[in-house]
Amino acid sequence: MKRKSIAIITLLLIFILSGCGSVENSSGVDTIVITDSLGREVEVPHEINKIVPLGNTPRMITYLGLAEKAVGIGSMDAENITPVTAYAYANKDIWKDLPVVGTDMGGATDYYPEQIISVNPDVIFCTYNEEIADEIQMKTGIPVIVVPMGTLFEEDYEEALLLIGKVCGVEDRANEVIEYIDYCLDDLANRTSEIPDENKPSVLGAAATYKGIHGIDSIYSKYPVFEAISAKDVAVGISDESCGVMVDKEIIIEWDPEYIMLDSGGVNLVKADYDKNPGYYEELKAFNNSNIYQYPSSTSYFSNVEIPLVNSYYVGSLLYPQEFSDIDFTEKANEIFEFFLGKDNYLKELQDYGAGYCKVNIGE
């Protein structure tokens, strides 16, 4: 996330200069005027007790300790939520009886005005465009605050957290989350950024999850998990964007990475592919040296934050054991999960589900 003080000070000045002082509206409720991320001026109650979070904001309010203020939630097939969708799984008991007020499943964006009105929230948070935000506000009569979708480890995630924090009176927690992410990223960089390339084993992120699960030919480009630890990523240059990319399987043979990291969701597809074509995998150095590992996907209903941070520590400990020799991975992982999710021993939830951190024995 690499917070820049000037950007944050500017953001706070925008809040101050956009008339955030308390006023009293026609119904006698103390309100403040907030300028959201799209420049929309929105009047919201001074005290927020009930929230409808849409888009990526259910995850954000979880990180800010606001999950219990949600009174309606977007549909995400609640019965099949897994620990990889960490924020939703951590809140499954809190949110299990909440009415469904919209959906973002399968990339669709929809909302249900009547259901939103019925739960009477003080504010609606979303990560939508201006047209949809204005439409929701017009049809419900409830203030809608738009925040950025949030790019993993980047400043727009900071902006989103600060904006929600300002509206809900939890600015201290928002800053605490940002500072914690920065602390982890700085720690990872300090351990790895000065290691010469010739001393780094090469690595590939495969079975990348995007628009569903995939096999070994789905790879990560400009993967923040690898960038956080200055990894020698063989896929550098495959795309200018941070994204999942389908590639010809033969190019992986050409790259021949020393380590291959797989999203846990795609491991069975990789194993099934091995059963059909074992000769392909036998050409890979990572396969022959038993250096294929799995971790949970960084993406599940938009970008997680806690899982990618843990993934970076895991991959760092594999690639650079000396630099991470003082880190007890289990303790560090659970520290990160507890900070973001408020859950003890969340690592075990992932392991019990089959999405834990471990070596993958393909062909056995």
Protein backbone atom coordinates (compact mmCIF):
# COMPACT_ATOMS: atom_id res chain seq x y z
CA MET A 1 0.00 0.00 0.00
CA LYS A 2 3.01 2.21 0.59
CA ARG A 3 1.22 5.21 2.03
CA LYS A 4 2.38 8.64 0.96
CA SER A 5 1.83 11.34 3.56
CA ILE A 6 1.09 14.06 1.04
CA ALA A 7 -1.73 12.07 -0.54
CA ILE A 8 -3.32 11.35 2.83
CA ILE A 9 -3.00 14.93 4.04
CA THR A 10 -4.61 16.07 0.79
CA LEU A 11 -7.46 13.63 1.30
CA LEU A 12 -8.04 14.83 4.85
CA LEU A 13 -8.03 18.44 3.66
CA ILE A 14 -10.70 17.55 1.12
CA PHE A 15 -12.85 16.26 3.98
CA ILE A 16 -12.30 19.44 5.96
CA LEU A 17 -12.90 21.81 3.06
CA SER A 18 -15.99 19.99 1.80
CA GLY A 19 -18.12 21.12 4.67
CA CYS A 20 -17.82 18.27 7.14
CA GLY A 21 -19.07 20.33 10.02
CA SER A 22 -22.30 19.19 11.65
CA VAL A 23 -25.56 20.63 10.37
CA GLU A 24 -29.17 19.76 11.13
CA ASN A 25 -31.38 18.58 8.29
CA SER A 26 -35.12 19.10 7.94
CA SER A 27 -35.90 16.01 10.01
CA GLY A 28 -33.82 17.24 12.94
CA VAL A 29 -30.95 14.76 12.41
CA ASP A 30 -27.39 16.01 12.80
CA THR A 31 -25.61 15.49 9.50
CA ILE A 32 -22.31 16.13 7.81
CA VAL A 33 -21.54 16.64 4.14
CA ILE A 34 -18.97 14.25 2.73
CA THR A 35 -17.27 14.43 -0.65
CA ASP A 36 -16.92 10.85 -1.85
CA SER A 37 -14.29 9.38 -4.18
CA LEU A 38 -16.21 10.51 -7.27
CA GLY A 39 -16.50 14.11 -6.04
CA ARG A 40 -20.18 13.69 -5.13
CA GLU A 41 -21.26 15.76 -2.13
CA VAL A 42 -23.43 13.57 0.08
CA GLU A 43 -25.20 14.51 3.31
CA VAL A 44 -25.02 11.69 5.85
CA PRO A 45 -26.05 11.37 9.50
CA HIS A 46 -23.37 12.42 11.96
CA GLU A 47 -23.79 9.10 13.77
CA ILE A 48 -23.84 5.92 11.68
CA ASN A 49 -25.42 2.85 13.28
CA LYS A 50 -26.76 0.92 10.28
CA ILE A 51 -24.86 0.22 7.07
CA VAL A 52 -25.65 -1.43 3.76
CA PRO A 53 -22.29 -2.34 2.14
CA LEU A 54 -22.23 -3.17 -1.58
CA GLY A 55 -19.47 -4.09 -4.01
CA ASN A 56 -16.15 -4.53 -2.19
CA THR A 57 -17.20 -2.55 0.90
CA PRO A 58 -18.36 -5.54 3.02
CA ARG A 59 -14.69 -6.54 3.15
CA MET A 60 -13.63 -3.00 4.01
CA ILE A 61 -16.11 -2.56 6.86
CA THR A 62 -14.87 -5.89 8.25
CA TYR A 63 -11.31 -4.59 8.38
CA LEU A 64 -12.60 -1.47 10.13
CA GLY A 65 -14.50 -3.40 12.82
CA LEU A 66 -17.91 -2.37 11.49
CA ALA A 67 -19.31 -5.77 10.47
CA GLU A 68 -21.99 -5.76 13.16
CA LYS A 69 -23.43 -2.51 11.78
CA ALA A 70 -24.40 -4.16 8.50
CA VAL A 71 -28.19 -4.53 8.22
CA GLY A 72 -28.30 -5.91 4.67
CA ILE A 73 -25.72 -7.67 2.53
CA GLY A 74 -25.01 -8.41 -1.10
CA SER A 75 -25.74 -11.95 -2.25
CA MET A 76 -22.73 -14.22 -2.62
CA ASP A 77 -24.24 -17.70 -2.29
CA ALA A 78 -23.96 -17.54 1.50
CA GLU A 79 -24.32 -21.31 1.99
CA ASN A 80 -21.17 -21.94 -0.03
CA ILE A 81 -18.88 -19.21 1.33
CA THR A 82 -15.44 -20.64 1.99
CA PRO A 83 -12.55 -19.52 4.22
CA VAL A 84 -10.82 -18.13 1.11
CA THR A 85 -13.47 -15.36 1.10
CA ALA A 86 -12.07 -14.51 4.50
CA TYR A 87 -14.15 -11.46 5.47
CA ALA A 88 -17.46 -13.17 4.65
CA TYR A 89 -16.49 -16.47 6.26
CA ALA A 90 -15.37 -14.68 9.43
CA ASN A 91 -18.77 -12.93 9.59
CA LYS A 92 -20.94 -15.85 8.54
CA ASP A 93 -22.68 -16.09 11.92
CA ILE A 94 -23.16 -12.33 12.21
CA TRP A 95 -24.53 -11.96 8.69
CA LYS A 96 -26.41 -15.26 8.27
CA ASP A 97 -29.85 -13.75 8.89
CA LEU A 98 -29.35 -10.45 7.08
CA PRO A 99 -31.62 -9.80 4.10
CA VAL A 100 -30.06 -9.87 0.65
CA VAL A 101 -30.17 -6.34 -0.78
CA GLY A 102 -28.11 -6.78 -3.95
CA THR A 103 -25.63 -8.94 -5.77
CA ASP A 104 -22.21 -8.76 -7.37
CA MET A 105 -21.99 -12.45 -8.21
CA GLY A 106 -20.38 -13.35 -11.52
CA GLY A 107 -19.35 -9.77 -12.11
CA ALA A 108 -22.97 -8.59 -12.20
CA THR A 109 -23.98 -5.43 -10.37
CA ASP A 110 -27.53 -5.29 -9.09
CA TYR A 111 -29.32 -3.87 -6.07
CA TYR A 112 -32.82 -4.19 -4.67
CA PRO A 113 -34.30 -0.81 -3.66
CA GLU A 114 -37.27 -2.18 -1.74
CA GLN A 115 -35.11 -4.47 0.37
CA ILE A 116 -32.66 -1.65 1.07
CA ILE A 117 -35.48 0.67 2.14
CA SER A 118 -36.92 -2.05 4.40
CA VAL A 119 -33.73 -2.24 6.51
CA ASN A 120 -33.55 1.57 6.75
CA PRO A 121 -29.76 2.04 6.79
CA ASP A 122 -28.13 5.33 7.72
CA VAL A 123 -25.77 5.05 4.75
CA ILE A 124 -25.01 2.85 1.77
CA PHE A 125 -21.37 2.24 0.83
CA CYS A 126 -20.50 0.95 -2.63
CA THR A 127 -17.69 0.68 -5.16
CA TYR A 128 -19.86 1.45 -8.19
CA ASN A 129 -19.81 4.20 -10.80
CA GLU A 130 -21.55 7.55 -10.45
CA GLU A 131 -24.58 6.60 -12.51
CA ILE A 132 -25.41 3.56 -10.38
CA ALA A 133 -24.67 5.38 -7.11
CA ASP A 134 -26.99 8.27 -8.04
CA GLU A 135 -29.66 5.82 -9.11
CA ILE A 136 -29.51 3.89 -5.83
CA GLN A 137 -29.69 7.13 -3.83
CA MET A 138 -32.60 8.45 -5.88
CA LYS A 139 -34.63 5.23 -5.63
CA THR A 140 -34.03 4.64 -1.91
CA GLY A 141 -33.71 8.17 -0.53
CA ILE A 142 -30.69 6.95 1.45
CA PRO A 143 -27.25 8.59 1.15
CA VAL A 144 -24.80 6.62 -1.00
CA ILE A 145 -21.05 7.03 -0.51
CA VAL A 146 -18.82 5.71 -3.30
CA VAL A 147 -15.33 4.56 -2.37
CA PRO A 148 -12.64 3.13 -4.68
CA MET A 149 -12.75 -0.58 -5.44
CA GLY A 150 -9.29 -0.82 -3.92
CA THR A 151 -6.15 -1.99 -5.72
CA LEU A 152 -4.17 -4.44 -3.62
CA PHE A 153 -1.45 -2.68 -1.58
CA GLU A 154 -2.07 0.65 -3.36
CA GLU A 155 -3.26 4.12 -2.36
CA ASP A 156 -6.84 3.80 -3.58
CA TYR A 157 -7.38 1.12 -0.92
CA GLU A 158 -6.14 3.64 1.65
CA GLU A 159 -8.55 6.22 0.30
CA ALA A 160 -11.46 3.80 0.62
CA LEU A 161 -10.60 2.88 4.21
CA LEU A 162 -10.12 6.52 5.22
CA LEU A 163 -13.39 7.58 3.61
CA ILE A 164 -15.44 4.86 5.33
CA GLY A 165 -13.58 5.59 8.56
CA LYS A 166 -14.46 9.28 8.34
CA VAL A 167 -18.15 8.63 7.69
CA CYS A 168 -18.44 6.05 10.49
CA GLY A 169 -16.26 7.76 13.07
CA VAL A 170 -13.54 5.10 13.07
CA GLU A 171 -10.69 7.12 11.56
CA ASP A 172 -8.25 5.80 14.14
CA ARG A 173 -8.94 2.23 13.08
CA ALA A 174 -8.62 3.18 9.40
CA ASN A 175 -5.20 4.66 10.04
CA GLU A 176 -4.27 1.64 12.15
CA VAL A 177 -5.12 -0.71 9.26
CA ILE A 178 -3.13 1.38 6.79
CA GLU A 179 -0.15 1.56 9.13
CA TYR A 180 -0.24 -2.19 9.72
CA ILE A 181 -0.25 -2.95 6.01
CA ASP A 182 2.62 -0.51 5.50
CA TYR A 183 4.50 -2.14 8.38
CA CYS A 184 4.16 -5.59 6.80
CA LEU A 185 5.14 -4.35 3.34
CA ASP A 186 8.16 -2.50 4.76
CA ASP A 187 9.19 -5.59 6.71
CA LEU A 188 8.94 -7.77 3.60
CA ALA A 189 10.87 -5.26 1.51
CA ASN A 190 13.60 -4.83 4.12
CA ARG A 191 14.16 -8.59 4.13
CA THR A 192 14.26 -9.08 0.37
CA SER A 193 14.88 -5.94 -1.69
CA GLU A 194 18.69 -6.05 -1.42
CA ILE A 195 19.10 -9.70 -2.34
CA PRO A 196 20.97 -9.88 -5.69
CA ASP A 197 18.97 -11.44 -8.52
CA GLU A 198 21.61 -14.11 -9.01
CA ASN A 199 20.92 -15.31 -5.46
CA LYS A 200 17.15 -15.55 -5.96
CA PRO A 201 15.40 -18.71 -7.14
CA SER A 202 12.92 -18.09 -9.96
CA VAL A 203 9.22 -18.48 -9.27
CA LEU A 204 5.90 -18.60 -11.11
CA GLY A 205 2.40 -17.98 -9.77
CA ALA A 206 0.12 -20.44 -11.60
CA ALA A 207 -3.41 -21.84 -11.38
CA ALA A 208 -4.33 -18.17 -11.02
CA THR A 209 -7.90 -17.50 -9.90
CA TYR A 210 -9.88 -15.00 -11.94
CA LYS A 211 -13.39 -15.51 -13.27
CA GLY A 212 -13.17 -18.95 -11.71
CA ILE A 213 -10.47 -21.53 -11.12
CA HIS A 214 -7.94 -22.62 -13.74
CA GLY A 215 -5.06 -25.00 -14.32
CA ILE A 216 -1.34 -24.45 -14.64
CA ASP A 217 -1.68 -22.32 -17.80
CA SER A 218 -3.38 -19.54 -15.83
CA ILE A 219 -0.60 -17.36 -14.43
CA TYR A 220 -0.24 -14.12 -12.48
CA SER A 221 1.25 -11.03 -14.08
CA LYS A 222 2.77 -8.28 -11.93
CA TYR A 223 1.58 -10.21 -8.90
CA PRO A 224 1.61 -7.98 -5.78
CA VAL A 225 2.42 -11.01 -3.60
CA PHE A 226 5.67 -11.50 -5.54
CA GLU A 227 6.41 -7.79 -5.90
CA ALA A 228 6.18 -7.35 -2.13
CA ILE A 229 9.13 -9.74 -1.69
CA SER A 230 11.09 -8.67 -4.80
CA ALA A 231 10.68 -12.17 -6.21
CA LYS A 232 12.42 -13.28 -9.40
CA ASP A 233 9.13 -13.77 -11.25
CA VAL A 234 9.58 -15.55 -14.59
CA ALA A 235 6.34 -14.00 -15.88
CA VAL A 236 7.64 -10.43 -15.74
CA GLY A 237 6.72 -8.66 -18.97
CA ILE A 238 3.88 -10.99 -19.94
CA SER A 239 1.45 -8.10 -19.27
CA ASP A 240 1.62 -4.48 -18.15
CA GLU A 241 -1.29 -5.06 -15.77
CA SER A 242 -1.57 -6.85 -12.46
CA CYS A 243 -3.93 -9.63 -13.47
CA GLY A 244 -4.45 -13.27 -14.33
CA VAL A 245 -3.37 -14.29 -17.83
CA MET A 246 -3.86 -17.47 -19.81
CA VAL A 247 -0.66 -18.61 -21.54
CA ASP A 248 0.45 -21.43 -23.78
CA LYS A 249 1.67 -24.22 -21.50
CA GLU A 250 4.86 -24.52 -23.52
CA ILE A 251 6.05 -21.09 -22.39
CA ILE A 252 6.12 -22.39 -18.82
CA ILE A 253 8.52 -25.08 -20.02
CA GLU A 254 10.69 -22.34 -21.54
CA TRP A 255 10.61 -20.32 -18.31
CA ASP A 256 11.27 -23.46 -16.25
CA PRO A 257 10.84 -21.77 -12.84
CA GLU A 258 12.57 -23.27 -9.83
CA TYR A 259 9.43 -22.81 -7.72
CA ILE A 260 5.77 -22.90 -8.77
CA MET A 261 3.07 -21.53 -6.48
CA LEU A 262 -0.49 -22.68 -7.15
CA ASP A 263 -3.77 -21.18 -5.99
CA SER A 264 -5.31 -23.91 -3.86
CA GLY A 265 -8.55 -23.83 -5.85
CA GLY A 266 -6.77 -24.90 -9.04
CA VAL A 267 -4.63 -27.67 -7.56
CA ASN A 268 -7.03 -30.46 -8.51
CA LEU A 269 -7.13 -29.20 -12.10
CA VAL A 270 -3.34 -29.31 -12.20
CA LYS A 271 -3.34 -32.85 -10.79
CA ALA A 272 -5.93 -33.94 -13.36
CA ASP A 273 -3.81 -32.42 -16.12
CA TYR A 274 -0.79 -34.34 -14.84
CA ASP A 275 -2.74 -37.60 -15.07
CA LYS A 276 -3.38 -36.87 -18.76
CA ASN A 277 0.09 -35.62 -19.61
CA PRO A 278 2.73 -36.53 -17.00
CA GLY A 279 5.53 -35.99 -19.51
CA TYR A 280 4.83 -32.28 -19.58
CA TYR A 281 5.36 -31.89 -15.86
CA GLU A 282 8.43 -34.10 -15.88
CA GLU A 283 10.14 -31.43 -17.99
CA LEU A 284 9.71 -28.85 -15.20
CA LYS A 285 12.51 -28.22 -12.73
CA ALA A 286 10.01 -27.34 -9.99
CA PHE A 287 8.25 -30.69 -10.42
CA ASN A 288 11.46 -32.73 -10.41
CA ASN A 289 12.79 -30.92 -7.32
CA SER A 290 9.45 -31.14 -5.46
CA ASN A 291 9.16 -27.35 -5.32
CA ILE A 292 5.47 -26.94 -6.13
CA TYR A 293 3.41 -25.38 -3.35
CA GLN A 294 -0.08 -24.05 -2.77
CA TYR A 295 -1.59 -21.07 -1.00
CA PRO A 296 -5.11 -19.57 -0.88
CA SER A 297 -6.16 -17.31 -3.73
CA SER A 298 -5.60 -13.60 -3.19
CA THR A 299 -8.89 -12.93 -4.96
CA SER A 300 -12.37 -14.00 -3.92
CA TYR A 301 -15.21 -11.57 -4.51
CA PHE A 302 -12.65 -8.84 -5.24
CA SER A 303 -9.22 -8.55 -3.62
CA ASN A 304 -8.45 -9.83 -0.16
CA VAL A 305 -5.73 -8.01 1.79
CA GLU A 306 -4.96 -10.34 4.69
CA ILE A 307 -4.45 -13.46 2.56
CA PRO A 308 -2.00 -11.82 0.10
CA LEU A 309 0.06 -10.49 3.02
CA VAL A 310 0.25 -13.98 4.51
CA ASN A 311 1.02 -15.38 1.06
CA SER A 312 3.97 -12.99 0.75
CA TYR A 313 5.40 -14.17 4.06
CA TYR A 314 4.90 -17.80 3.01
CA VAL A 315 6.58 -17.44 -0.38
CA GLY A 316 9.33 -15.33 1.17
CA SER A 317 10.07 -18.04 3.71
CA LEU A 318 10.33 -20.61 0.90
CA LEU A 319 12.50 -18.56 -1.45
CA TYR A 320 14.67 -16.86 1.16
CA PRO A 321 14.79 -19.11 4.24
CA GLN A 322 17.75 -17.29 5.76
CA GLU A 323 16.10 -13.87 5.56
CA PHE A 324 12.91 -15.24 7.17
CA SER A 325 14.59 -17.52 9.70
CA ASP A 326 13.28 -15.45 12.62
CA ILE A 327 9.66 -15.71 11.44
CA ASP A 328 7.40 -18.44 12.79
CA PHE A 329 5.02 -18.64 9.84
CA THR A 330 2.05 -20.01 11.79
CA GLU A 331 2.32 -17.25 14.39
CA LYS A 332 2.76 -14.54 11.75
CA ALA A 333 -0.15 -15.78 9.66
CA ASN A 334 -2.50 -15.91 12.62
CA GLU A 335 -1.34 -12.47 13.77
CA ILE A 336 -2.30 -11.03 10.38
CA PHE A 337 -5.63 -12.85 10.22
CA GLU A 338 -6.55 -11.82 13.77
CA PHE A 339 -5.73 -8.18 13.02
CA PHE A 340 -7.97 -8.00 9.94
CA LEU A 341 -10.70 -10.49 10.81
CA GLY A 342 -10.75 -10.56 14.61
CA LYS A 343 -10.52 -14.37 14.51
CA ASP A 344 -8.07 -16.58 16.39
CA ASN A 345 -6.25 -19.37 14.55
CA TYR A 346 -7.82 -18.59 11.18
CA LEU A 347 -4.97 -20.48 9.53
CA LYS A 348 -6.58 -23.72 10.75
CA GLU A 349 -9.85 -22.79 9.01
CA LEU A 350 -7.97 -22.56 5.71
CA GLN A 351 -6.08 -25.78 6.34
CA ASP A 352 -9.21 -27.71 7.30
CA TYR A 353 -10.88 -26.54 4.09
CA GLY A 354 -7.91 -27.67 1.99
CA ALA A 355 -6.72 -24.16 1.17
CA GLY A 356 -3.78 -24.13 3.55
CA TYR A 357 -0.10 -23.55 2.91
CA CYS A 358 1.76 -26.69 1.90
CA LYS A 359 3.78 -28.61 -0.66
CA VAL A 360 1.77 -30.09 -3.54
CA ASN A 361 2.67 -33.66 -4.48
CA ILE A 362 1.46 -33.92 -8.05
CA GLY A 363 1.09 -37.47 -9.28
CA GLU A 364 0.73 -39.05 -5.86
